[in-house]
Amino acid sequence: MKEQLEKLRQEALAELAQAVQSTALNEIRVKYLGKKGSLTAILRGMGALSPEERPVIGELANEVRQQIEAAIAERGDNLAKQEQQTRLAAEEIDILLPGRRPSLGHPHPIQLVMDEIAEIFIGLGFSIAEGPEVEKDYYNFEALNLPKDHPARDMHDSLYITPEVLLRTHTSPVQIRTMEQQYPNPFRVIAPGRVYRRDALDATHSPMFTQIEGMVVDEGITFGDLKGTLEVFAQRMFGSDRKVRFRPSYFPFTEPSAEVDVSCGCGGKGCRVCKGTGWLEIMGAGSVHPLVLKMSQYDPERFTGFAFGMGAERIAMLKYDIRDIRVFYENDLRFLAQF
């Protein structure tokens, strides 16, 4: 039995010396020291020993167990250090390598255009006004000289929530609210924001789009002030060589009214963008209708004003030569990354 214990000691220490992974140590522990291990099997034969031999074999068996356990602990510490060094070497970072720049988002082209428009008009002394997208019929139509039986209401094809509440069809209600807040003081504001109409989505129409409307009310404001303001805007937005023309039109809340065109970048020669005309339509405008002033308590005999409105998508399509309005809403990173 003494020879068996010595042989077991040598075999266990030899296996421990060859172990290269800490997981193998537990297998060796179970193999030699477990309940069904080699040492336990040898000790079961102690019943056949004489009383004199049992203490000697028992002491040797304890010595073998302690030596194997100590060897397992020592080998475990060594393997743990080796594995840690290997892991750290694999995770080593070269601090001299250039860093990986994070991928940054891009401003949406509509936001770029809105920011540029706002910057131009703020430079002209305008302030920015905002209002609710869910609007009362009074502000969206009636206060803008569009009573309930007015045929021009059909131009907007509105989305009603209740008979008196709807999703605003333009940002002109913000102008009316501003007039109520500013009365009797003069003001000049632009009102950017989303608007909604019952339109089918196609290459040039969307049920939701972005408008930027402006209004000036003061004493002595003329149509000539409107022309000068919009000429400055067009040249700063599209280029200093651009010209502006006004074509007679009709809007219920302005009188006289006009459609505003800017000369095309082709220099009037005609191209696919302007469809050969040399001009690009950019907005509607006009002098504020006296009835609109009167409904907001401004005296039309004393105060006059002008108003204008443009679609941010329309300006962006002209500025960036985009042919389909739907690309603004598809969130295609290949498109957005160009801006």
Protein backbone atom coordinates (compact mmCIF):
# COMPACT_ATOMS: atom_id res chain seq x y z
CA MET A 1 0.00 0.00 0.00
CA LYS A 2 2.95 2.29 0.71
CA GLU A 3 4.20 1.69 -2.85
CA GLN A 4 0.73 2.52 -4.21
CA LEU A 5 0.66 5.83 -2.33
CA GLU A 6 4.13 6.76 -3.55
CA LYS A 7 3.18 5.87 -7.11
CA LEU A 8 -0.02 7.93 -6.81
CA ARG A 9 2.02 10.88 -5.50
CA GLN A 10 4.42 10.76 -8.43
CA GLU A 11 1.68 10.38 -11.04
CA ALA A 12 -0.36 13.25 -9.62
CA LEU A 13 2.64 15.60 -9.40
CA ALA A 14 3.68 14.68 -12.95
CA GLU A 15 0.19 15.44 -14.33
CA LEU A 16 0.10 18.74 -12.46
CA ALA A 17 3.44 19.73 -13.92
CA GLN A 18 2.11 19.11 -17.43
CA ALA A 19 -1.22 20.91 -16.94
CA VAL A 20 -1.44 24.01 -19.18
CA GLN A 21 -4.97 25.17 -18.33
CA SER A 22 -6.52 25.96 -14.97
CA THR A 23 -9.60 23.93 -15.92
CA ALA A 24 -7.43 20.76 -16.00
CA LEU A 25 -6.52 21.20 -12.33
CA ASN A 26 -10.04 20.45 -11.16
CA GLU A 27 -10.07 17.28 -13.24
CA ILE A 28 -6.80 16.19 -11.56
CA ARG A 29 -8.23 16.99 -8.14
CA VAL A 30 -11.29 14.84 -8.77
CA LYS A 31 -9.20 12.04 -10.30
CA TYR A 32 -6.88 11.68 -7.31
CA LEU A 33 -8.62 13.24 -4.31
CA GLY A 34 -12.31 12.95 -5.09
CA LYS A 35 -14.78 10.59 -3.43
CA LYS A 36 -14.21 8.12 -6.23
CA GLY A 37 -10.57 9.10 -6.75
CA SER A 38 -7.42 6.99 -6.62
CA LEU A 39 -6.45 7.99 -3.06
CA THR A 40 -9.88 7.10 -1.72
CA ALA A 41 -9.72 3.73 -3.45
CA ILE A 42 -6.35 2.97 -1.81
CA LEU A 43 -7.57 4.01 1.65
CA ARG A 44 -10.51 1.64 1.44
CA GLY A 45 -8.00 -1.21 1.74
CA MET A 46 -6.74 -0.04 5.12
CA GLY A 47 -9.15 -2.42 6.86
CA ALA A 48 -6.90 -5.30 5.88
CA LEU A 49 -3.86 -3.75 7.59
CA SER A 50 -2.59 -4.64 11.04
CA PRO A 51 -3.11 -2.15 13.89
CA GLU A 52 0.57 -1.26 13.72
CA GLU A 53 0.50 -0.46 9.99
CA ARG A 54 -2.65 1.65 9.95
CA PRO A 55 -1.15 4.79 11.63
CA VAL A 56 1.87 4.66 9.33
CA ILE A 57 -0.24 4.34 6.17
CA GLY A 58 -2.75 6.92 7.43
CA GLU A 59 0.02 9.45 8.09
CA LEU A 60 1.51 8.82 4.64
CA ALA A 61 -1.89 9.14 3.01
CA ASN A 62 -2.44 12.55 4.67
CA GLU A 63 1.00 13.63 3.60
CA VAL A 64 0.24 12.63 -0.02
CA ARG A 65 -3.12 14.43 0.05
CA GLN A 66 -1.59 17.61 1.49
CA GLN A 67 1.25 17.56 -1.01
CA ILE A 68 -1.10 17.08 -3.97
CA GLU A 69 -3.42 19.87 -2.70
CA ALA A 70 -0.46 22.22 -2.24
CA ALA A 71 0.82 21.37 -5.71
CA ILE A 72 -2.65 22.02 -7.19
CA ALA A 73 -2.84 25.41 -5.45
CA GLU A 74 0.66 26.41 -6.55
CA ARG A 75 0.09 25.27 -10.13
CA GLY A 76 -3.26 27.09 -10.15
CA ASP A 77 -1.62 30.38 -9.13
CA ASN A 78 1.04 29.98 -11.82
CA LEU A 79 -1.49 29.16 -14.53
CA ALA A 80 -3.73 32.06 -13.48
CA LYS A 81 -0.81 34.49 -13.84
CA GLN A 82 0.12 33.03 -17.22
CA GLU A 83 -3.47 33.26 -18.47
CA GLN A 84 -3.74 36.84 -17.25
CA GLN A 85 -0.53 37.80 -19.03
CA THR A 86 -1.75 36.12 -22.22
CA ARG A 87 -5.09 37.93 -21.99
CA LEU A 88 -3.46 41.30 -21.34
CA ALA A 89 -1.08 40.79 -24.25
CA ALA A 90 -4.04 40.08 -26.53
CA GLU A 91 -5.82 43.22 -25.25
CA GLU A 92 -2.77 45.46 -25.55
CA ILE A 93 -3.51 48.88 -27.08
CA ASP A 94 -1.00 50.88 -29.05
CA ILE A 95 -1.57 54.39 -27.73
CA LEU A 96 0.38 55.81 -30.66
CA LEU A 97 -2.16 54.57 -33.20
CA PRO A 98 -4.60 57.26 -34.46
CA GLY A 99 -8.04 57.04 -32.87
CA ARG A 100 -11.16 55.93 -34.70
CA ARG A 101 -13.36 58.93 -35.29
CA PRO A 102 -17.02 58.35 -34.42
CA SER A 103 -19.52 58.62 -37.23
CA LEU A 104 -21.30 61.95 -36.86
CA GLY A 105 -24.85 62.67 -37.95
CA HIS A 106 -25.66 65.08 -40.77
CA PRO A 107 -28.17 67.94 -40.64
CA HIS A 108 -31.26 67.20 -42.68
CA PRO A 109 -31.40 69.29 -45.90
CA ILE A 110 -34.75 70.75 -44.81
CA GLN A 111 -33.21 71.86 -41.52
CA LEU A 112 -30.22 73.32 -43.39
CA VAL A 113 -32.55 75.38 -45.57
CA MET A 114 -34.71 76.50 -42.64
CA ASP A 115 -31.64 77.59 -40.69
CA GLU A 116 -30.31 79.52 -43.67
CA ILE A 117 -33.66 81.23 -44.29
CA ALA A 118 -33.99 82.13 -40.61
CA GLU A 119 -30.46 83.56 -40.55
CA ILE A 120 -31.19 85.76 -43.58
CA PHE A 121 -34.39 87.21 -42.15
CA ILE A 122 -32.98 87.64 -38.64
CA GLY A 123 -30.27 89.71 -40.31
CA LEU A 124 -33.07 91.85 -41.78
CA GLY A 125 -34.52 92.52 -38.34
CA PHE A 126 -37.15 89.76 -38.21
CA SER A 127 -37.83 87.63 -35.15
CA ILE A 128 -39.06 84.03 -35.08
CA ALA A 129 -42.59 83.20 -33.91
CA GLU A 130 -44.13 79.78 -33.33
CA GLY A 131 -47.64 78.46 -32.84
CA PRO A 132 -49.64 75.22 -32.40
CA GLU A 133 -49.86 72.68 -35.19
CA VAL A 134 -53.37 71.73 -34.01
CA GLU A 135 -55.16 74.98 -34.71
CA LYS A 136 -58.59 76.58 -34.38
CA ASP A 137 -60.58 77.16 -37.54
CA TYR A 138 -60.79 80.85 -36.61
CA TYR A 139 -57.03 81.40 -36.75
CA ASN A 140 -56.45 79.11 -39.73
CA PHE A 141 -59.20 80.61 -41.91
CA GLU A 142 -61.64 83.19 -40.55
CA ALA A 143 -59.09 85.68 -39.20
CA LEU A 144 -57.32 85.43 -42.58
CA ASN A 145 -60.40 86.65 -44.47
CA LEU A 146 -61.64 83.12 -45.20
CA PRO A 147 -65.15 82.78 -43.71
CA LYS A 148 -66.76 79.34 -43.60
CA ASP A 149 -68.51 79.76 -46.97
CA HIS A 150 -65.44 81.14 -48.78
CA PRO A 151 -64.61 79.09 -51.92
CA ALA A 152 -60.85 79.58 -51.36
CA ARG A 153 -61.04 77.13 -48.44
CA ASP A 154 -61.10 74.38 -51.05
CA MET A 155 -57.53 75.36 -51.99
CA HIS A 156 -56.27 73.92 -48.72
CA ASP A 157 -58.17 70.59 -48.52
CA SER A 158 -57.89 70.49 -44.74
CA LEU A 159 -57.61 67.73 -42.14
CA TYR A 160 -60.24 68.45 -39.48
CA ILE A 161 -60.23 66.94 -36.01
CA THR A 162 -63.54 68.54 -34.97
CA PRO A 163 -65.70 71.07 -36.86
CA GLU A 164 -63.71 73.87 -35.19
CA VAL A 165 -60.26 72.28 -34.83
CA LEU A 166 -57.91 71.11 -37.56
CA LEU A 167 -54.27 70.47 -38.39
CA ARG A 168 -53.06 73.83 -39.65
CA THR A 169 -52.80 74.12 -43.43
CA HIS A 170 -50.22 76.93 -43.30
CA THR A 171 -48.30 78.88 -40.68
CA SER A 172 -50.34 82.04 -41.30
CA PRO A 173 -52.27 81.44 -38.02
CA VAL A 174 -49.01 82.26 -36.23
CA GLN A 175 -49.10 85.68 -37.90
CA ILE A 176 -52.62 86.31 -36.57
CA ARG A 177 -51.63 85.24 -33.07
CA THR A 178 -48.59 87.52 -33.28
CA MET A 179 -50.82 90.45 -34.31
CA GLU A 180 -53.03 89.84 -31.27
CA GLN A 181 -50.01 89.69 -28.97
CA GLN A 182 -48.18 92.69 -30.45
CA TYR A 183 -51.13 95.08 -30.90
CA PRO A 184 -50.80 98.06 -31.17
CA ASN A 185 -47.05 97.79 -31.79
CA PRO A 186 -45.40 97.28 -35.20
CA PHE A 187 -43.55 94.00 -35.77
CA ARG A 188 -41.79 91.82 -38.30
CA VAL A 189 -41.73 88.03 -37.82
CA ILE A 190 -41.19 84.80 -39.69
CA ALA A 191 -43.14 81.68 -38.72
CA PRO A 192 -41.48 78.36 -39.62
CA GLY A 193 -43.16 75.01 -38.95
CA ARG A 194 -44.88 71.89 -40.20
CA VAL A 195 -48.24 72.11 -41.95
CA TYR A 196 -50.72 69.48 -43.13
CA ARG A 197 -53.05 69.04 -46.09
CA ARG A 198 -55.06 66.22 -47.59
CA ASP A 199 -52.61 65.60 -50.41
CA ALA A 200 -51.48 62.28 -51.88
CA LEU A 201 -47.74 61.67 -51.61
CA ASP A 202 -46.00 61.92 -54.96
CA ALA A 203 -42.86 63.49 -56.43
CA THR A 204 -44.06 67.07 -55.78
CA HIS A 205 -46.71 66.77 -53.04
CA SER A 206 -46.79 65.59 -49.43
CA PRO A 207 -49.55 65.53 -46.78
CA MET A 208 -47.01 67.05 -44.37
CA PHE A 209 -44.46 69.66 -45.35
CA THR A 210 -42.64 72.67 -43.93
CA GLN A 211 -43.57 76.30 -44.48
CA ILE A 212 -41.86 79.54 -43.56
CA GLU A 213 -44.13 82.55 -43.64
CA GLY A 214 -43.33 86.13 -42.82
CA MET A 215 -45.25 89.27 -41.95
CA VAL A 216 -44.41 92.92 -41.40
CA VAL A 217 -46.91 95.41 -39.96
CA ASP A 218 -46.03 99.07 -39.43
CA GLU A 219 -46.95 102.55 -40.56
CA GLY A 220 -46.07 103.37 -44.16
CA ILE A 221 -45.25 99.82 -45.34
CA THR A 222 -45.63 99.50 -49.11
CA PHE A 223 -45.46 96.83 -51.78
CA GLY A 224 -42.06 98.25 -52.65
CA ASP A 225 -40.81 97.24 -49.18
CA LEU A 226 -41.97 93.70 -49.91
CA LYS A 227 -40.12 93.65 -53.26
CA GLY A 228 -36.92 94.96 -51.71
CA THR A 229 -37.03 92.45 -48.84
CA LEU A 230 -37.60 89.46 -51.11
CA GLU A 231 -34.93 90.56 -53.58
CA VAL A 232 -32.39 90.62 -50.74
CA PHE A 233 -33.58 87.20 -49.58
CA ALA A 234 -33.36 85.63 -53.06
CA GLN A 235 -29.87 86.97 -53.71
CA ARG A 236 -28.55 85.79 -50.35
CA MET A 237 -30.25 82.40 -50.71
CA PHE A 238 -29.50 81.61 -54.35
CA GLY A 239 -26.70 83.98 -55.37
CA SER A 240 -26.02 87.68 -55.83
CA ASP A 241 -26.66 87.48 -59.59
CA ARG A 242 -30.27 86.32 -59.18
CA LYS A 243 -33.21 88.52 -60.16
CA VAL A 244 -36.76 88.47 -58.82
CA ARG A 245 -40.04 88.98 -60.66
CA PHE A 246 -43.61 89.29 -59.37
CA ARG A 247 -46.62 87.87 -61.20
CA PRO A 248 -50.17 88.95 -60.25
CA SER A 249 -52.02 86.28 -58.28
CA TYR A 250 -54.77 85.89 -55.69
CA PHE A 251 -54.67 85.10 -51.97
CA PRO A 252 -57.62 85.94 -49.69
CA PHE A 253 -55.42 87.47 -46.99
CA THR A 254 -53.32 89.77 -49.20
CA GLU A 255 -54.30 92.50 -51.66
CA PRO A 256 -52.58 92.97 -54.05
CA SER A 257 -51.11 89.46 -54.25
CA ALA A 258 -48.29 88.01 -56.31
CA GLU A 259 -46.40 84.84 -57.12
CA VAL A 260 -42.66 85.40 -56.71
CA ASP A 261 -40.11 83.92 -59.12
CA VAL A 262 -36.33 83.95 -58.98
CA SER A 263 -34.14 83.74 -62.06
CA CYS A 264 -32.68 80.31 -62.73
CA GLY A 265 -29.00 79.55 -62.34
CA CYS A 266 -28.81 78.90 -66.08
CA GLY A 267 -28.83 82.67 -66.62
CA GLY A 268 -32.18 82.66 -68.39
CA LYS A 269 -31.01 80.39 -71.20
CA GLY A 270 -33.42 77.65 -70.17
CA CYS A 271 -32.60 74.28 -68.62
CA ARG A 272 -34.29 71.18 -67.19
CA VAL A 273 -34.56 72.82 -63.74
CA CYS A 274 -36.56 75.82 -64.96
CA LYS A 275 -38.12 73.80 -67.78
CA GLY A 276 -36.77 76.23 -70.32
CA THR A 277 -38.44 79.33 -68.85
CA GLY A 278 -35.42 80.85 -67.10
CA TRP A 279 -37.47 81.40 -63.90
CA LEU A 280 -38.23 79.39 -60.76
CA GLU A 281 -41.34 79.95 -58.64
CA ILE A 282 -40.37 80.19 -54.95
CA MET A 283 -43.25 81.74 -52.97
CA GLY A 284 -46.48 83.71 -52.75
CA ALA A 285 -46.64 87.21 -51.27
CA GLY A 286 -48.62 90.42 -51.09
CA SER A 287 -49.74 93.40 -49.06
CA VAL A 288 -51.73 92.44 -45.95
CA HIS A 289 -55.47 92.70 -46.66
CA PRO A 290 -57.13 95.56 -44.73
CA LEU A 291 -59.77 93.16 -43.37
CA VAL A 292 -57.03 90.95 -41.86
CA LEU A 293 -55.55 93.98 -40.11
CA LYS A 294 -58.98 95.08 -38.91
CA MET A 295 -59.88 91.65 -37.46
CA SER A 296 -56.73 91.83 -35.32
CA GLN A 297 -57.62 95.38 -34.16
CA TYR A 298 -54.99 97.16 -36.27
CA ASP A 299 -56.38 100.29 -37.94
CA PRO A 300 -55.93 99.77 -41.73
CA GLU A 301 -56.04 103.54 -42.19
CA ARG A 302 -52.89 103.85 -40.07
CA PHE A 303 -51.10 100.51 -40.42
CA THR A 304 -50.13 98.58 -43.53
CA GLY A 305 -47.99 95.52 -44.03
CA PHE A 306 -46.85 92.72 -46.25
CA ALA A 307 -46.76 88.94 -45.94
CA PHE A 308 -45.08 86.09 -47.78
CA GLY A 309 -44.93 82.32 -47.56
CA MET A 310 -42.67 79.62 -48.99
CA GLY A 311 -42.23 75.87 -48.67
CA ALA A 312 -38.88 74.79 -47.24
CA GLU A 313 -39.01 71.61 -49.34
CA ARG A 314 -39.53 73.72 -52.49
CA ILE A 315 -36.54 75.91 -51.67
CA ALA A 316 -34.39 72.86 -50.88
CA MET A 317 -35.38 71.15 -54.13
CA LEU A 318 -34.39 74.23 -56.12
CA LYS A 319 -31.21 74.90 -54.15
CA TYR A 320 -29.92 71.31 -54.28
CA ASP A 321 -31.52 70.26 -57.61
CA ILE A 322 -33.67 67.54 -56.02
CA ARG A 323 -36.50 66.19 -58.19
CA ASP A 324 -38.55 64.10 -55.76
CA ILE A 325 -39.92 65.49 -52.48
CA ARG A 326 -40.26 61.97 -51.07
CA VAL A 327 -36.50 61.62 -50.55
CA PHE A 328 -36.75 64.16 -47.71
CA TYR A 329 -38.86 61.73 -45.64
CA GLU A 330 -37.26 58.35 -46.43
CA ASN A 331 -34.26 58.81 -44.08
CA ASP A 332 -31.87 57.16 -46.53
CA LEU A 333 -28.39 57.71 -45.10
CA ARG A 334 -26.86 57.67 -48.57
CA PHE A 335 -28.96 60.75 -49.38
CA LEU A 336 -28.57 62.52 -46.02
CA ALA A 337 -24.79 62.03 -45.92
CA GLN A 338 -24.46 64.30 -48.97
CA PHE A 339 -25.39 67.28 -46.83
